[in-house]
Amino acid sequence: MKYVHDDDDGGRLYDPRVRAAMREFTGDDDTLTFEAAAAVRSAQQGVERMRAHGSEGRGLSSGAMDLLLRLSSAGAAGASIGELAQAAGVSPRNATGLVDTLERDGLARRQPDPDDRRAVRAVITDAGRAWIEAFRQPSRMAMKAIFHGFTDDELATLRHLCLRLAANQERLAEHLGGRVSGR
């Protein structure tokens, strides 16, 4: 982030290299939406790097870790592959592979769906709960460090804006017939 400066209009952070690249791409000075997209991407990559670093040595990808965390709050009935896929924003095929990984590692298991004998549900195991417990404190420390200096109001605003972006993307994907949803 050594290239980020805070002398933009209003004292806001910006990256002059990104601005120059976006000017070249757009052919004009109206680069704000492209700069914002680049900043969101950069922030997301930083958070993912920290999540991956925190799970190193624990043997899980960030995708498998995400599903394990979702299973930990799913209750005794667990969750279907479709529910996990939808909640995680991945394809059912991807969710199946992630559940396979969790099951192979003994962190989750499949059980018959009591309401649909053709379906199965994924359920967290005791080993999965122990994995989460071991990950909890390092994760808290990492998130505290990443968001150091943010006020509660800023964090709530950031959450709100990111969820608005996600909602806009979902609406756009529906309009385009799901071609950009990644599912």
Protein backbone atom coordinates (compact mmCIF):
# COMPACT_ATOMS: atom_id res chain seq x y z
CA MET A 1 0.00 0.00 0.00
CA LYS A 2 3.03 2.24 -0.31
CA TYR A 3 1.50 3.82 -3.40
CA VAL A 4 -1.71 4.90 -1.69
CA HIS A 5 -2.00 8.63 -1.01
CA ASP A 6 -4.46 10.65 1.04
CA ASP A 7 -4.49 13.89 -0.90
CA ASP A 8 -7.50 13.17 -3.08
CA ASP A 9 -10.46 15.55 -2.94
CA GLY A 10 -11.72 15.52 0.63
CA GLY A 11 -8.58 13.83 2.00
CA ARG A 12 -9.67 10.36 0.90
CA LEU A 13 -7.22 7.60 0.07
CA TYR A 14 -6.52 6.71 -3.54
CA ASP A 15 -3.85 4.95 -5.59
CA PRO A 16 -2.44 7.13 -8.38
CA ARG A 17 -1.26 4.05 -10.33
CA VAL A 18 -4.81 2.65 -10.35
CA ARG A 19 -6.22 6.05 -11.29
CA ALA A 20 -3.81 6.35 -14.23
CA ALA A 21 -4.63 2.83 -15.44
CA MET A 22 -8.36 3.49 -15.16
CA ARG A 23 -8.01 6.80 -17.05
CA GLU A 24 -6.26 4.92 -19.82
CA PHE A 25 -8.97 2.26 -19.81
CA THR A 26 -11.96 4.63 -19.73
CA GLY A 27 -10.44 7.31 -21.92
CA ASP A 28 -11.51 10.10 -19.55
CA ASP A 29 -11.32 11.39 -15.98
CA ASP A 30 -14.49 9.64 -14.78
CA THR A 31 -12.72 6.76 -13.06
CA LEU A 32 -14.33 6.75 -9.61
CA THR A 33 -16.45 3.60 -10.04
CA PHE A 34 -13.49 1.71 -11.51
CA GLU A 35 -11.19 2.93 -8.73
CA ALA A 36 -13.78 1.87 -6.15
CA ALA A 37 -14.01 -1.60 -7.73
CA ALA A 38 -10.22 -1.91 -7.66
CA ALA A 39 -10.17 -0.84 -4.00
CA VAL A 40 -12.86 -3.40 -3.08
CA ARG A 41 -10.89 -6.10 -4.90
CA SER A 42 -7.66 -5.09 -3.14
CA ALA A 43 -9.34 -5.07 0.28
CA GLN A 44 -11.01 -8.44 -0.36
CA GLN A 45 -7.71 -9.98 -1.42
CA GLY A 46 -6.06 -8.65 1.75
CA VAL A 47 -8.75 -10.11 4.00
CA GLU A 48 -8.57 -13.44 2.14
CA ARG A 49 -4.76 -13.52 2.47
CA MET A 50 -5.15 -13.00 6.21
CA ARG A 51 -7.84 -15.69 6.45
CA ALA A 52 -5.66 -18.11 4.49
CA HIS A 53 -2.66 -17.27 6.67
CA GLY A 54 -4.72 -17.91 9.79
CA SER A 55 -5.77 -21.33 8.52
CA GLU A 56 -2.25 -22.35 7.45
CA GLY A 57 -1.13 -25.45 9.22
CA ARG A 58 -4.77 -26.25 9.86
CA GLY A 59 -5.20 -27.88 6.46
CA LEU A 60 -8.29 -26.08 5.15
CA SER A 61 -8.81 -23.79 2.20
CA SER A 62 -10.73 -20.60 2.89
CA GLY A 63 -13.72 -22.09 1.03
CA ALA A 64 -13.78 -25.22 3.20
CA MET A 65 -13.30 -23.08 6.28
CA ASP A 66 -16.26 -20.92 5.25
CA LEU A 67 -18.51 -23.97 4.92
CA LEU A 68 -17.30 -25.37 8.24
CA LEU A 69 -18.18 -22.09 9.95
CA ARG A 70 -21.62 -22.17 8.32
CA LEU A 71 -22.14 -25.77 9.49
CA SER A 72 -21.19 -24.78 13.03
CA SER A 73 -24.24 -22.52 13.19
CA ALA A 74 -26.60 -24.83 11.26
CA GLY A 75 -27.71 -26.80 14.32
CA ALA A 76 -28.12 -30.55 14.75
CA ALA A 77 -29.97 -30.92 11.43
CA GLY A 78 -27.01 -29.53 9.51
CA ALA A 79 -27.51 -28.11 6.05
CA SER A 80 -28.12 -29.43 2.57
CA ILE A 81 -25.46 -28.99 -0.10
CA GLY A 82 -27.79 -26.57 -1.88
CA GLU A 83 -28.26 -24.48 1.26
CA LEU A 84 -24.50 -24.36 1.82
CA ALA A 85 -23.86 -23.43 -1.80
CA GLN A 86 -26.41 -20.65 -1.73
CA ALA A 87 -25.18 -19.25 1.59
CA ALA A 88 -21.54 -19.34 0.47
CA GLY A 89 -22.24 -18.00 -3.02
CA VAL A 90 -20.71 -21.02 -4.79
CA SER A 91 -22.05 -23.67 -7.13
CA PRO A 92 -23.56 -26.85 -5.67
CA ARG A 93 -20.73 -28.76 -7.36
CA ASN A 94 -18.15 -26.61 -5.57
CA ALA A 95 -19.98 -27.03 -2.25
CA THR A 96 -20.01 -30.80 -2.76
CA GLY A 97 -16.23 -30.79 -3.22
CA LEU A 98 -15.76 -28.67 -0.11
CA VAL A 99 -17.98 -30.98 1.94
CA ASP A 100 -15.96 -33.92 0.56
CA THR A 101 -12.82 -32.25 1.93
CA LEU A 102 -14.43 -31.59 5.32
CA GLU A 103 -15.69 -35.17 5.48
CA ARG A 104 -12.30 -36.61 4.49
CA ASP A 105 -10.70 -34.60 7.31
CA GLY A 106 -13.31 -35.75 9.83
CA LEU A 107 -14.66 -32.22 10.35
CA ALA A 108 -18.10 -32.90 8.90
CA ARG A 109 -20.21 -35.89 7.95
CA ARG A 110 -23.13 -36.54 5.69
CA GLN A 111 -26.39 -37.89 7.05
CA PRO A 112 -29.69 -38.72 5.38
CA ASP A 113 -32.20 -35.91 5.12
CA PRO A 114 -35.17 -36.96 7.27
CA ASP A 115 -37.60 -35.15 4.97
CA ASP A 116 -36.21 -36.34 1.62
CA ARG A 117 -34.67 -39.79 1.40
CA ARG A 118 -32.93 -38.87 -1.87
CA ALA A 119 -31.03 -36.01 -0.19
CA VAL A 120 -28.26 -35.75 2.37
CA ARG A 121 -27.34 -33.09 4.86
CA ALA A 122 -23.87 -32.08 6.02
CA VAL A 123 -23.36 -31.90 9.77
CA ILE A 124 -20.35 -30.64 11.72
CA THR A 125 -18.52 -33.22 13.86
CA ASP A 126 -16.92 -32.80 17.29
CA ALA A 127 -13.56 -32.59 15.51
CA GLY A 128 -14.99 -29.78 13.36
CA ARG A 129 -16.10 -27.88 16.45
CA ALA A 130 -12.63 -28.36 17.98
CA TRP A 131 -11.05 -27.03 14.76
CA ILE A 132 -13.19 -23.90 14.96
CA GLU A 133 -12.37 -23.41 18.64
CA ALA A 134 -8.63 -23.57 17.87
CA PHE A 135 -9.10 -21.08 15.02
CA ARG A 136 -11.27 -18.63 16.97
CA GLN A 137 -8.64 -16.62 18.86
CA PRO A 138 -6.11 -16.26 16.00
CA SER A 139 -8.99 -15.18 13.76
CA ARG A 140 -10.17 -12.55 16.24
CA MET A 141 -6.65 -11.16 16.53
CA ALA A 142 -6.22 -11.01 12.75
CA MET A 143 -9.53 -9.21 12.18
CA LYS A 144 -8.73 -6.78 14.98
CA ALA A 145 -5.42 -5.99 13.29
CA ILE A 146 -6.92 -5.62 9.80
CA PHE A 147 -9.63 -3.25 11.00
CA HIS A 148 -7.42 -1.36 13.46
CA GLY A 149 -8.44 2.28 13.74
CA PHE A 150 -11.95 1.79 12.33
CA THR A 151 -14.81 3.06 14.45
CA ASP A 152 -17.91 0.96 14.98
CA ASP A 153 -19.79 3.39 12.72
CA GLU A 154 -17.19 3.02 9.96
CA LEU A 155 -17.35 -0.77 10.22
CA ALA A 156 -21.15 -0.71 10.02
CA THR A 157 -20.95 1.62 7.00
CA LEU A 158 -18.39 -0.63 5.31
CA ARG A 159 -20.57 -3.68 5.91
CA HIS A 160 -23.59 -1.81 4.55
CA LEU A 161 -21.79 -0.67 1.41
CA CYS A 162 -20.36 -4.13 0.70
CA LEU A 163 -23.78 -5.71 1.08
CA ARG A 164 -25.24 -3.09 -1.27
CA LEU A 165 -22.60 -4.07 -3.83
CA ALA A 166 -23.52 -7.74 -3.38
CA ALA A 167 -27.23 -6.96 -3.78
CA ASN A 168 -26.56 -4.94 -6.94
CA GLN A 169 -24.51 -7.82 -8.33
CA GLU A 170 -27.33 -10.28 -7.60
CA ARG A 171 -29.86 -8.03 -9.35
CA LEU A 172 -27.55 -7.69 -12.34
CA ALA A 173 -27.00 -11.46 -12.45
CA GLU A 174 -30.77 -12.06 -12.44
CA HIS A 175 -31.19 -9.52 -15.22
CA LEU A 176 -28.48 -11.20 -17.27
CA GLY A 177 -29.95 -14.64 -16.66
CA GLY A 178 -27.41 -15.75 -14.05
CA ARG A 179 -24.43 -15.50 -16.40
CA VAL A 180 -22.37 -13.50 -13.87
CA SER A 181 -23.44 -15.05 -10.60
CA GLY A 182 -20.70 -17.68 -10.39
CA ARG A 183 -23.25 -20.34 -9.43
